[in-house]
N, C-alpha and C. Protein backbone atom coordinates (compact mmCIF):
# COMPACT_ATOMS: atom_id res chain seq x y z
N MET A 1 1.59 -20.13 9.52
CA MET A 1 0.11 -19.59 9.88
C MET A 1 -0.24 -18.92 8.36
N SER A 2 -1.34 -19.18 7.90
CA SER A 2 -1.63 -18.71 6.57
C SER A 2 -2.22 -17.19 6.57
N ILE A 3 -1.53 -16.26 6.12
CA ILE A 3 -1.99 -14.82 6.04
C ILE A 3 -2.59 -14.50 4.51
N PRO A 4 -4.09 -14.34 4.65
CA PRO A 4 -4.66 -14.00 3.32
C PRO A 4 -4.24 -12.43 2.49
N ILE A 5 -3.84 -12.46 1.35
CA ILE A 5 -3.73 -11.14 0.79
C ILE A 5 -4.48 -11.20 -0.49
N THR A 6 -5.15 -10.09 -0.98
CA THR A 6 -5.79 -10.05 -1.92
C THR A 6 -5.66 -8.60 -2.61
N PHE A 7 -5.33 -8.59 -4.07
CA PHE A 7 -5.48 -7.25 -4.88
C PHE A 7 -6.53 -7.51 -5.72
N THR A 8 -7.55 -6.71 -5.74
CA THR A 8 -8.63 -6.96 -6.61
C THR A 8 -8.39 -6.35 -7.89
N THR A 9 -9.16 -6.41 -9.02
CA THR A 9 -9.11 -5.73 -10.35
C THR A 9 -10.34 -5.25 -10.69
N ARG A 10 -10.10 -4.46 -11.78
CA ARG A 10 -11.45 -3.55 -12.40
C ARG A 10 -12.67 -4.75 -12.43
N LEU A 11 -12.48 -6.00 -12.45
CA LEU A 11 -13.48 -6.95 -12.91
C LEU A 11 -14.18 -7.09 -11.42
N ASP A 12 -13.60 -6.93 -10.41
CA ASP A 12 -14.29 -7.09 -8.95
C ASP A 12 -14.82 -6.01 -8.64
N GLY A 13 -14.98 -4.99 -9.29
CA GLY A 13 -15.89 -3.94 -9.15
C GLY A 13 -15.31 -2.63 -8.57
N ASP A 14 -16.06 -1.66 -8.34
CA ASP A 14 -15.55 -0.32 -7.63
C ASP A 14 -15.73 -0.51 -6.30
N PHE A 15 -14.62 -0.37 -5.58
CA PHE A 15 -14.76 -0.51 -4.16
C PHE A 15 -14.76 1.10 -3.48
N ARG A 16 -15.02 2.19 -3.97
CA ARG A 16 -15.20 3.24 -3.49
C ARG A 16 -16.28 3.43 -2.32
N LYS A 17 -17.36 2.66 -3.12
CA LYS A 17 -18.60 2.77 -1.98
C LYS A 17 -19.12 1.32 -1.34
N ARG A 18 -18.15 0.43 -1.86
CA ARG A 18 -18.30 -0.79 -1.47
C ARG A 18 -17.90 -1.22 -0.16
N LYS A 19 -18.69 -1.94 0.87
CA LYS A 19 -18.32 -2.33 2.11
C LYS A 19 -18.08 -3.60 2.25
N ILE A 20 -16.53 -4.18 2.84
CA ILE A 20 -16.33 -5.62 3.04
C ILE A 20 -16.73 -5.87 4.46
N PRO A 21 -17.06 -6.79 4.80
CA PRO A 21 -17.22 -7.29 6.20
C PRO A 21 -16.26 -7.60 7.05
N LEU A 22 -15.72 -7.17 8.22
CA LEU A 22 -14.67 -7.34 9.29
C LEU A 22 -13.60 -6.65 8.66
N THR A 23 -13.90 -5.46 8.13
CA THR A 23 -12.65 -4.65 7.41
C THR A 23 -12.62 -3.32 7.95
N ILE A 24 -11.44 -2.84 8.14
CA ILE A 24 -11.01 -1.44 8.58
C ILE A 24 -10.26 -0.78 7.51
N PHE A 25 -10.90 0.28 6.85
CA PHE A 25 -10.35 1.00 5.88
C PHE A 25 -9.41 2.30 6.54
N ALA A 26 -8.33 2.67 5.67
CA ALA A 26 -7.62 4.09 6.19
C ALA A 26 -8.44 5.27 5.29
N GLN A 27 -8.86 6.42 5.88
CA GLN A 27 -9.02 7.33 5.18
C GLN A 27 -8.33 7.71 3.83
N GLN A 28 -7.05 7.65 3.70
CA GLN A 28 -6.09 8.11 2.76
C GLN A 28 -6.24 9.57 2.31
N ILE A 29 -5.13 10.37 3.08
CA ILE A 29 -5.05 11.61 2.52
C ILE A 29 -3.79 11.94 1.87
N HIS A 30 -3.23 11.24 1.51
CA HIS A 30 -1.68 11.34 0.89
C HIS A 30 -0.86 11.73 1.87
N GLY A 31 -0.87 11.11 2.79
CA GLY A 31 0.03 11.75 4.06
C GLY A 31 0.99 10.34 4.38
N ASN A 32 1.68 10.35 5.30
CA ASN A 32 2.47 8.98 5.83
C ASN A 32 1.94 8.73 7.44
N THR A 33 0.71 9.09 7.50
CA THR A 33 0.24 8.50 9.23
C THR A 33 0.19 6.98 9.23
N VAL A 34 0.40 6.31 10.01
CA VAL A 34 0.05 4.92 10.13
C VAL A 34 -0.66 4.57 11.28
N ALA A 35 -1.90 4.43 11.38
CA ALA A 35 -2.60 4.04 12.71
C ALA A 35 -2.45 2.68 13.03
N ARG A 36 -2.53 2.77 14.50
CA ARG A 36 -2.66 1.31 15.02
C ARG A 36 -3.94 0.91 15.35
N VAL A 37 -4.84 -0.05 14.95
CA VAL A 37 -6.09 -0.37 14.95
C VAL A 37 -6.31 -1.35 15.86
N SER A 38 -7.59 -1.58 16.17
CA SER A 38 -8.15 -2.70 17.22
C SER A 38 -9.43 -3.44 16.62
N LYS A 39 -9.80 -4.33 17.55
CA LYS A 39 -11.08 -5.12 17.04
C LYS A 39 -12.24 -4.16 16.96
N ASP A 40 -12.25 -2.97 17.94
CA ASP A 40 -13.23 -2.36 17.99
C ASP A 40 -13.36 -1.27 16.63
N ASP A 41 -12.44 -1.33 15.84
CA ASP A 41 -12.25 -0.43 14.68
C ASP A 41 -13.06 -1.22 13.38
N VAL A 42 -13.38 -2.18 13.41
CA VAL A 42 -13.82 -3.22 12.35
C VAL A 42 -15.18 -2.27 11.74
N GLY A 43 -15.27 -2.14 10.39
CA GLY A 43 -16.31 -1.46 9.93
C GLY A 43 -16.17 -0.03 9.75
N THR A 44 -14.88 0.48 10.27
CA THR A 44 -15.11 2.12 10.33
C THR A 44 -13.82 2.38 9.13
N ILE A 45 -13.79 3.75 9.08
CA ILE A 45 -12.60 4.43 8.29
C ILE A 45 -11.90 4.98 9.12
N ILE A 46 -10.33 4.97 9.08
CA ILE A 46 -9.63 5.70 10.42
C ILE A 46 -9.30 6.88 9.72
N ARG A 47 -9.79 8.02 10.41
CA ARG A 47 -9.52 9.43 9.85
C ARG A 47 -8.03 9.80 9.79
N GLY A 48 -7.49 10.33 8.97
CA GLY A 48 -6.26 11.06 8.70
C GLY A 48 -5.00 10.06 8.61
N ALA A 49 -5.34 8.89 8.37
CA ALA A 49 -4.58 7.89 8.24
C ALA A 49 -4.33 7.38 6.77
N ASP A 50 -3.07 6.91 6.18
CA ASP A 50 -2.86 6.34 4.83
C ASP A 50 -2.40 4.83 5.23
N GLY A 51 -2.38 4.54 6.48
CA GLY A 51 -1.70 3.09 6.75
C GLY A 51 -2.28 2.80 7.84
N LEU A 52 -2.34 1.46 8.21
CA LEU A 52 -2.94 0.78 9.34
C LEU A 52 -1.95 -0.46 9.80
N VAL A 53 -2.15 -0.77 11.05
CA VAL A 53 -1.27 -1.67 11.55
C VAL A 53 -2.29 -2.48 12.47
N TYR A 54 -2.15 -3.76 12.69
CA TYR A 54 -3.07 -4.66 13.52
C TYR A 54 -2.29 -5.84 14.18
N LYS A 55 -2.36 -6.00 15.52
CA LYS A 55 -2.03 -7.07 16.11
C LYS A 55 -3.06 -8.20 16.56
N LYS A 56 -2.93 -9.41 16.32
CA LYS A 56 -4.18 -10.08 16.44
C LYS A 56 -4.46 -10.18 17.93
N GLU A 57 -5.76 -9.82 18.18
CA GLU A 57 -6.33 -9.92 19.40
C GLU A 57 -7.69 -10.76 19.83
N MET A 58 -8.20 -11.52 18.78
CA MET A 58 -9.08 -12.34 18.88
C MET A 58 -9.10 -13.42 17.68
N ARG A 59 -10.12 -14.34 18.10
CA ARG A 59 -9.95 -15.64 17.18
C ARG A 59 -10.64 -15.13 15.79
N ALA A 60 -11.72 -14.43 15.74
CA ALA A 60 -12.20 -14.06 14.60
C ALA A 60 -11.51 -13.30 13.56
N PRO A 61 -11.55 -13.24 11.99
CA PRO A 61 -10.70 -12.66 11.35
C PRO A 61 -10.89 -11.20 11.32
N ILE A 62 -9.92 -10.35 11.24
CA ILE A 62 -10.06 -8.89 10.78
C ILE A 62 -9.13 -8.75 9.69
N PHE A 63 -9.60 -7.91 8.76
CA PHE A 63 -8.86 -7.37 7.71
C PHE A 63 -8.71 -5.86 7.51
N LEU A 64 -7.36 -5.67 6.87
CA LEU A 64 -7.03 -4.17 6.81
C LEU A 64 -6.98 -4.02 5.32
N ALA A 65 -7.57 -2.80 4.88
CA ALA A 65 -7.70 -2.75 3.27
C ALA A 65 -7.39 -1.19 3.17
N VAL A 66 -6.54 -0.97 1.66
CA VAL A 66 -6.54 0.48 0.99
C VAL A 66 -7.08 0.58 -0.07
N ARG A 67 -7.55 1.51 -0.70
CA ARG A 67 -7.98 1.58 -2.07
C ARG A 67 -6.90 2.06 -2.77
N VAL A 68 -6.98 1.98 -4.14
CA VAL A 68 -5.91 2.51 -4.75
C VAL A 68 -6.16 2.31 -6.31
N ALA A 69 -5.73 3.54 -7.01
CA ALA A 69 -6.07 3.25 -8.59
C ALA A 69 -5.08 4.06 -9.43
N ASP A 70 -3.69 3.56 -9.30
CA ASP A 70 -2.11 3.81 -9.65
C ASP A 70 -1.40 4.01 -8.54
N CYS A 71 -1.81 4.42 -7.47
CA CYS A 71 -1.17 4.22 -6.12
C CYS A 71 -0.69 2.89 -5.86
N ILE A 72 0.30 2.76 -5.01
CA ILE A 72 0.50 1.30 -4.78
C ILE A 72 0.09 0.80 -3.32
N PRO A 73 -0.29 -0.09 -3.31
CA PRO A 73 -0.96 -0.91 -1.97
C PRO A 73 0.05 -1.70 -1.46
N ILE A 74 0.37 -1.54 -0.17
CA ILE A 74 1.51 -1.96 0.33
C ILE A 74 0.95 -3.06 1.60
N ILE A 75 1.40 -4.12 1.35
CA ILE A 75 0.83 -5.01 2.27
C ILE A 75 1.93 -5.58 3.18
N ALA A 76 1.99 -5.78 4.30
CA ALA A 76 3.06 -6.26 5.02
C ALA A 76 2.67 -7.08 6.20
N TYR A 77 3.46 -8.43 6.57
CA TYR A 77 3.05 -9.09 7.74
C TYR A 77 4.17 -9.54 8.31
N ASP A 78 3.95 -9.97 9.94
CA ASP A 78 4.76 -10.58 10.31
C ASP A 78 4.23 -11.78 11.12
N SER A 79 4.47 -13.04 10.51
CA SER A 79 3.14 -14.12 10.62
C SER A 79 3.63 -14.56 12.43
N ALA A 80 4.92 -14.72 12.42
CA ALA A 80 5.24 -15.04 13.94
C ALA A 80 4.89 -14.21 15.04
N ALA A 81 4.66 -13.08 15.02
CA ALA A 81 4.03 -12.00 15.84
C ALA A 81 2.66 -11.67 15.65
N GLN A 82 1.92 -12.08 14.21
CA GLN A 82 0.53 -12.02 14.19
C GLN A 82 0.34 -10.65 14.14
N ILE A 83 1.32 -9.90 13.22
CA ILE A 83 0.84 -8.59 13.15
C ILE A 83 0.88 -8.24 11.54
N ILE A 84 -0.25 -7.48 11.18
CA ILE A 84 -0.42 -7.23 9.55
C ILE A 84 -0.49 -5.74 9.68
N GLY A 85 -0.09 -5.39 8.23
CA GLY A 85 -0.17 -3.81 8.10
C GLY A 85 -0.55 -3.40 6.79
N ALA A 86 -1.21 -2.48 6.48
CA ALA A 86 -1.79 -2.29 4.81
C ALA A 86 -1.12 -0.60 4.88
N ALA A 87 -0.70 0.11 3.55
CA ALA A 87 -0.67 1.42 3.39
C ALA A 87 -0.96 1.76 2.10
N HIS A 88 -1.22 2.99 1.86
CA HIS A 88 -1.56 3.45 0.40
C HIS A 88 -0.36 4.38 0.19
N ALA A 89 0.28 4.19 -0.91
CA ALA A 89 1.54 4.92 -1.11
C ALA A 89 1.40 5.69 -2.79
N GLY A 90 1.21 6.98 -2.86
CA GLY A 90 1.08 7.52 -3.93
C GLY A 90 2.47 8.06 -4.11
N TRP A 91 2.74 9.39 -4.92
CA TRP A 91 3.96 10.02 -4.83
C TRP A 91 4.37 10.69 -3.55
N ARG A 92 3.18 11.29 -3.10
CA ARG A 92 3.36 12.23 -1.61
C ARG A 92 3.88 11.09 -0.53
N GLY A 93 2.95 9.85 -0.62
CA GLY A 93 3.43 8.84 0.48
C GLY A 93 4.79 8.27 0.31
N THR A 94 5.00 7.85 -0.89
CA THR A 94 6.48 7.39 -1.29
C THR A 94 7.30 8.36 -0.84
N PHE A 95 7.17 9.54 -1.32
CA PHE A 95 8.17 10.92 -0.68
C PHE A 95 8.30 10.98 0.66
N ASP A 96 7.39 10.92 1.14
CA ASP A 96 7.33 10.96 2.74
C ASP A 96 7.54 9.61 3.51
N THR A 97 7.98 8.68 2.65
CA THR A 97 8.40 7.11 3.33
C THR A 97 7.35 6.60 4.16
N ILE A 98 6.31 6.48 3.70
CA ILE A 98 5.22 5.89 4.29
C ILE A 98 5.46 4.49 4.51
N ALA A 99 6.31 3.82 3.62
CA ALA A 99 6.61 2.50 3.72
C ALA A 99 7.69 2.04 5.01
N GLN A 100 8.57 2.96 5.22
CA GLN A 100 9.11 2.84 6.45
C GLN A 100 8.43 3.31 7.67
N GLU A 101 7.49 4.11 7.61
CA GLU A 101 6.60 4.36 8.78
C GLU A 101 5.76 2.83 9.06
N LEU A 102 5.39 2.41 8.18
CA LEU A 102 4.51 1.12 8.13
C LEU A 102 5.43 0.08 8.98
N ILE A 103 6.48 -0.18 8.58
CA ILE A 103 7.73 -1.15 9.19
C ILE A 103 7.62 -0.63 10.91
N ILE A 104 7.95 0.77 10.93
CA ILE A 104 8.37 1.12 12.28
C ILE A 104 6.93 0.86 13.06
N GLN A 105 6.02 1.20 12.75
CA GLN A 105 4.45 0.97 13.35
C GLN A 105 4.41 -0.61 13.88
N MET A 106 4.89 -1.49 12.74
CA MET A 106 4.80 -2.88 13.05
C MET A 106 5.64 -3.26 14.24
N CYS A 107 7.00 -2.73 14.32
CA CYS A 107 7.92 -3.24 15.01
C CYS A 107 7.35 -2.67 16.42
N LYS A 108 6.93 -1.54 16.48
CA LYS A 108 6.54 -0.94 17.97
C LYS A 108 5.31 -2.09 18.67
N LEU A 109 4.82 -2.81 17.61
CA LEU A 109 3.81 -3.77 18.22
C LEU A 109 4.35 -5.02 18.69
N GLY A 110 5.54 -5.18 18.27
CA GLY A 110 6.32 -6.45 18.21
C GLY A 110 6.91 -6.99 17.29
N GLY A 111 6.97 -6.56 16.22
CA GLY A 111 7.15 -7.21 14.95
C GLY A 111 8.86 -7.07 14.98
N LYS A 112 9.45 -7.98 14.13
CA LYS A 112 10.67 -7.79 13.78
C LYS A 112 11.07 -7.80 12.37
N ILE A 113 12.11 -6.78 12.13
CA ILE A 113 12.07 -6.55 10.79
C ILE A 113 12.63 -7.25 10.04
N ARG A 114 13.45 -8.44 10.40
CA ARG A 114 13.76 -9.41 9.57
C ARG A 114 12.86 -10.74 9.29
N ARG A 115 11.59 -10.41 10.32
CA ARG A 115 10.61 -11.50 9.67
C ARG A 115 9.53 -10.87 8.90
N ILE A 116 9.68 -9.79 8.64
CA ILE A 116 8.24 -8.99 7.94
C ILE A 116 8.65 -9.21 6.53
N HIS A 117 7.45 -9.78 6.16
CA HIS A 117 7.16 -9.69 4.47
C HIS A 117 6.55 -8.73 4.17
N VAL A 118 6.61 -8.46 2.52
CA VAL A 118 5.88 -7.39 2.11
C VAL A 118 5.60 -7.55 0.68
N SER A 119 4.49 -7.23 0.49
CA SER A 119 3.80 -7.34 -1.02
C SER A 119 3.36 -6.06 -1.74
N MET A 120 3.71 -5.53 -2.78
CA MET A 120 3.25 -4.25 -3.30
C MET A 120 2.45 -4.75 -4.67
N GLY A 121 1.25 -4.21 -4.53
CA GLY A 121 0.09 -4.86 -5.64
C GLY A 121 0.44 -3.75 -7.15
N PRO A 122 -0.53 -4.06 -7.86
CA PRO A 122 -0.21 -3.40 -9.19
C PRO A 122 -0.27 -1.91 -8.80
N HIS A 123 0.36 -1.04 -9.84
CA HIS A 123 0.38 0.18 -9.63
C HIS A 123 0.90 0.67 -10.91
N ILE A 124 0.62 1.97 -10.97
CA ILE A 124 1.37 2.75 -12.35
C ILE A 124 2.65 2.35 -12.33
N GLY A 125 3.15 2.00 -13.35
CA GLY A 125 4.72 1.87 -13.78
C GLY A 125 5.45 2.78 -14.07
N ALA A 126 7.18 2.79 -14.18
CA ALA A 126 8.00 3.94 -14.70
C ALA A 126 7.72 4.16 -15.92
N CYS A 127 7.06 2.86 -16.72
CA CYS A 127 6.68 3.32 -18.16
C CYS A 127 5.33 4.37 -18.47
N CYS A 128 5.13 4.65 -17.57
CA CYS A 128 3.60 5.68 -17.73
C CYS A 128 3.73 6.67 -16.70
N TYR A 129 4.65 6.65 -15.72
CA TYR A 129 4.56 7.66 -14.66
C TYR A 129 5.27 8.83 -15.02
N GLY A 130 4.97 9.62 -15.83
CA GLY A 130 5.78 10.62 -16.02
C GLY A 130 5.41 12.08 -15.19
N VAL A 131 6.41 12.48 -14.74
CA VAL A 131 6.23 13.71 -13.82
C VAL A 131 6.86 15.17 -13.99
N ASP A 132 6.51 16.15 -13.42
CA ASP A 132 6.82 17.44 -13.84
C ASP A 132 8.48 17.70 -13.56
N LYS A 133 9.11 18.76 -14.16
CA LYS A 133 10.48 18.79 -13.60
C LYS A 133 10.67 19.16 -12.15
N GLU A 134 9.76 19.86 -11.31
CA GLU A 134 9.96 20.05 -10.04
C GLU A 134 9.82 18.63 -9.16
N ARG A 135 9.00 17.86 -9.37
CA ARG A 135 8.89 16.72 -8.90
C ARG A 135 10.00 16.07 -9.11
N ALA A 136 10.32 15.73 -10.11
CA ALA A 136 11.57 14.80 -10.68
C ALA A 136 12.57 15.39 -9.89
N ALA A 137 12.96 16.48 -9.61
CA ALA A 137 14.31 17.01 -8.90
C ALA A 137 14.17 16.83 -7.59
N ALA A 138 12.99 16.63 -7.02
CA ALA A 138 12.65 16.52 -5.63
C ALA A 138 13.17 15.01 -5.19
N PHE A 139 12.50 14.06 -6.29
CA PHE A 139 12.90 12.70 -5.97
C PHE A 139 14.28 12.26 -6.17
N GLN A 140 15.09 13.12 -7.26
CA GLN A 140 16.44 12.72 -7.49
C GLN A 140 17.15 13.21 -6.35
N LYS A 141 16.76 14.30 -5.86
CA LYS A 141 17.55 14.78 -4.56
C LYS A 141 17.55 14.03 -3.41
N LYS A 142 16.28 13.39 -3.16
CA LYS A 142 16.32 12.36 -1.93
C LYS A 142 16.44 11.07 -2.08
N PHE A 143 16.20 10.74 -3.25
CA PHE A 143 16.31 8.94 -3.50
C PHE A 143 17.18 8.75 -4.66
N GLY A 144 17.88 9.78 -5.27
CA GLY A 144 18.92 9.56 -6.55
C GLY A 144 18.27 8.98 -7.92
N THR A 145 16.91 9.10 -7.91
CA THR A 145 16.06 8.62 -9.14
C THR A 145 16.58 9.37 -10.42
N LYS A 146 16.53 9.11 -11.57
CA LYS A 146 16.96 9.67 -12.63
C LYS A 146 15.76 10.17 -13.70
N GLY A 147 15.76 10.85 -14.31
CA GLY A 147 14.79 11.23 -15.33
C GLY A 147 13.46 11.75 -14.69
N HIS A 148 12.55 11.60 -15.66
CA HIS A 148 11.21 12.27 -15.35
C HIS A 148 10.15 11.21 -15.26
N TYR A 149 10.62 9.91 -15.34
CA TYR A 149 9.45 8.82 -15.09
C TYR A 149 9.96 8.19 -13.68
N LEU A 150 9.00 8.13 -12.85
CA LEU A 150 9.27 7.71 -11.65
C LEU A 150 8.76 6.43 -11.44
N ASP A 151 9.64 5.30 -11.01
CA ASP A 151 9.43 3.94 -10.64
C ASP A 151 9.29 3.84 -9.29
N LEU A 152 7.62 4.05 -8.76
CA LEU A 152 7.46 4.17 -7.12
C LEU A 152 7.56 2.62 -6.61
N GLY A 153 7.48 1.58 -7.29
CA GLY A 153 7.68 0.33 -6.75
C GLY A 153 9.12 0.16 -6.30
N ALA A 154 9.98 0.57 -7.14
CA ALA A 154 11.64 0.33 -6.93
C ALA A 154 11.96 1.33 -5.76
N ILE A 155 11.30 2.35 -5.73
CA ILE A 155 11.74 3.30 -4.66
C ILE A 155 10.95 2.85 -3.57
N ASN A 156 10.30 2.63 -3.14
CA ASN A 156 9.75 1.79 -2.04
C ASN A 156 10.33 0.55 -1.59
N ARG A 157 10.68 -0.16 -2.50
CA ARG A 157 11.24 -1.27 -2.23
C ARG A 157 12.74 -0.83 -1.87
N ASP A 158 13.51 0.00 -2.16
CA ASP A 158 14.64 0.31 -1.76
C ASP A 158 14.82 1.12 -0.32
N ILE A 159 13.48 1.89 -0.06
CA ILE A 159 13.28 2.34 1.36
C ILE A 159 13.26 1.35 2.30
N LEU A 160 12.69 0.10 1.93
CA LEU A 160 12.52 -1.07 2.73
C LEU A 160 13.79 -1.87 2.98
N VAL A 161 14.50 -1.84 1.96
CA VAL A 161 15.90 -2.63 2.05
C VAL A 161 16.61 -1.58 2.99
N ARG A 162 16.82 -0.50 2.72
CA ARG A 162 17.70 0.31 3.63
C ARG A 162 17.42 0.31 5.52
N MET A 163 16.16 -0.08 5.47
CA MET A 163 15.56 -0.21 6.68
C MET A 163 16.07 -1.68 7.30
N GLY A 164 16.19 -2.57 6.57
CA GLY A 164 16.77 -3.50 7.20
C GLY A 164 15.65 -4.93 6.68
N VAL A 165 14.70 -4.67 5.92
CA VAL A 165 13.64 -5.81 5.40
C VAL A 165 14.70 -6.63 4.50
N ILE A 166 14.41 -7.87 4.58
CA ILE A 166 15.18 -8.80 3.65
C ILE A 166 14.61 -8.76 2.11
N SER A 167 15.54 -8.40 1.53
CA SER A 167 15.24 -8.13 -0.03
C SER A 167 14.28 -9.29 -0.72
N SER A 168 14.54 -10.45 -0.24
CA SER A 168 13.81 -11.68 -0.77
C SER A 168 12.42 -11.84 -0.07
N HIS A 169 12.04 -10.82 0.84
CA HIS A 169 10.78 -10.88 1.50
C HIS A 169 10.08 -9.85 1.10
N ILE A 170 10.41 -9.30 0.09
CA ILE A 170 9.68 -8.17 -0.82
C ILE A 170 9.54 -8.58 -2.19
N LEU A 171 8.31 -8.44 -2.48
CA LEU A 171 7.35 -8.68 -3.59
C LEU A 171 6.81 -7.40 -4.22
N VAL A 172 7.17 -7.37 -5.29
CA VAL A 172 6.69 -6.12 -6.09
C VAL A 172 6.05 -6.33 -7.30
N SER A 173 4.90 -6.10 -7.51
CA SER A 173 4.15 -6.44 -8.83
C SER A 173 4.66 -5.57 -9.72
N ASP A 174 4.70 -6.35 -11.11
CA ASP A 174 5.34 -5.72 -12.45
C ASP A 174 3.98 -5.06 -13.30
N ILE A 175 2.82 -5.19 -12.80
CA ILE A 175 1.80 -4.96 -13.37
C ILE A 175 1.33 -3.34 -13.40
N CYS A 176 1.39 -2.78 -14.48
CA CYS A 176 1.17 -1.49 -14.69
C CYS A 176 -0.07 -1.16 -14.87
N THR A 177 -0.76 -0.46 -13.82
CA THR A 177 -2.23 -0.27 -13.96
C THR A 177 -2.96 0.57 -15.03
N SER A 178 -1.78 1.55 -15.43
CA SER A 178 -2.06 2.37 -16.64
C SER A 178 -2.08 1.56 -18.02
N CYS A 179 -1.08 0.65 -18.23
CA CYS A 179 -0.77 -0.02 -19.27
C CYS A 179 -2.03 -1.35 -19.45
N HIS A 180 -2.46 -1.51 -18.11
CA HIS A 180 -3.60 -2.74 -18.14
C HIS A 180 -4.92 -2.07 -17.69
N ASN A 181 -5.15 -0.89 -18.33
CA ASN A 181 -6.49 -0.24 -17.86
C ASN A 181 -7.64 -1.06 -18.08
N ASP A 182 -7.42 -2.24 -19.10
CA ASP A 182 -8.66 -2.73 -19.08
C ASP A 182 -9.03 -3.83 -17.90
N GLN A 183 -7.79 -4.02 -17.03
CA GLN A 183 -8.04 -4.99 -15.98
C GLN A 183 -8.00 -4.51 -14.74
N TYR A 184 -7.60 -2.93 -14.73
CA TYR A 184 -7.46 -2.31 -13.51
C TYR A 184 -7.96 -0.80 -13.69
N PHE A 185 -8.21 -0.26 -12.60
CA PHE A 185 -8.72 1.02 -12.37
C PHE A 185 -7.43 2.13 -12.54
N SER A 186 -7.28 2.94 -13.42
CA SER A 186 -6.18 3.79 -13.45
C SER A 186 -6.79 5.08 -13.39
N TYR A 187 -6.38 6.28 -12.25
CA TYR A 187 -6.35 7.53 -12.30
C TYR A 187 -6.14 8.24 -13.45
N ARG A 188 -5.06 7.98 -14.06
CA ARG A 188 -4.53 8.46 -15.08
C ARG A 188 -5.26 8.39 -16.38
N LYS A 189 -5.66 7.04 -16.56
CA LYS A 189 -5.92 6.69 -18.01
C LYS A 189 -7.60 6.68 -17.81
N ASP A 190 -8.45 6.41 -16.84
CA ASP A 190 -9.64 6.51 -16.82
C ASP A 190 -10.41 7.62 -17.10
N THR A 191 -11.76 7.90 -17.26
CA THR A 191 -12.31 9.07 -17.46
C THR A 191 -13.18 9.00 -16.41
N LYS A 192 -13.94 10.18 -16.12
CA LYS A 192 -14.71 10.46 -14.74
C LYS A 192 -16.03 9.25 -15.00
N GLU A 193 -16.23 8.93 -16.00
CA GLU A 193 -17.49 7.81 -16.11
C GLU A 193 -16.88 6.68 -15.77
N THR A 194 -15.47 6.31 -16.26
CA THR A 194 -15.14 4.85 -16.07
C THR A 194 -14.21 4.58 -14.82
N PHE A 195 -13.99 5.65 -14.16
CA PHE A 195 -12.88 5.44 -12.96
C PHE A 195 -13.49 4.75 -11.83
N GLY A 196 -12.70 4.08 -11.16
CA GLY A 196 -13.22 3.59 -9.93
C GLY A 196 -11.91 3.03 -9.48
N GLU A 197 -11.89 2.27 -8.09
CA GLU A 197 -10.68 2.26 -7.06
C GLU A 197 -10.94 0.41 -7.04
N GLN A 198 -9.79 -0.09 -7.03
CA GLN A 198 -9.48 -1.55 -6.59
C GLN A 198 -9.05 -1.70 -5.02
N VAL A 199 -8.92 -2.54 -4.34
CA VAL A 199 -8.37 -2.50 -3.09
C VAL A 199 -7.18 -3.67 -2.92
N GLY A 200 -6.40 -3.19 -2.23
CA GLY A 200 -5.33 -4.36 -1.46
C GLY A 200 -5.61 -4.66 -0.24
N MET A 201 -5.63 -5.62 0.15
CA MET A 201 -6.43 -6.14 1.73
C MET A 201 -5.64 -7.37 2.28
N ILE A 202 -5.40 -7.39 3.50
CA ILE A 202 -4.73 -8.59 4.44
C ILE A 202 -5.54 -8.76 5.37
N GLY A 203 -5.64 -9.98 5.76
CA GLY A 203 -6.49 -10.40 7.18
C GLY A 203 -5.55 -11.42 7.89
N ILE A 204 -6.24 -11.56 9.14
CA ILE A 204 -5.33 -12.54 9.99
C ILE A 204 -6.39 -12.73 11.12
């Protein structure tokens, strides 16, 4: 079964106020809550959630989406179980292991961890994501990172592998939204006038 996945760019426009038909969005409060959604949630924003999971329950397509601009859009699916998931992971979501929570909620719906595939879209890279001493120390203590530049993609990948997700089932974009600000919105690079958000989206 084909699972459509999309990561938009600056050229696709600012998705902060743009609606997409048949789509469910997470509110995104920089937490680690992953909500289970249904066909009745189409066209809504799920309050208090940074992640969404859905098990196919109708023939018409449904899409899950998260908005990002430096944070990581984490997209996951188990095609055999017809389950999809999407999560927004900034430094807080990463620290609070939202990637792990996404997989847990997919498995509660009937997904199998060894069947799940994960794609992480463009996000700010370790090349540009310098953090203060306190945050660097907190990540070092919890994840064993080094230095003051965080590689959020690598940290989330390690979280998933430790859970049992097969390494070859995980794809992490090497595109840095800050380095490629001409192609992607970046919270750190853009001004108030030029800022916007792209989306990571999956459908079934």
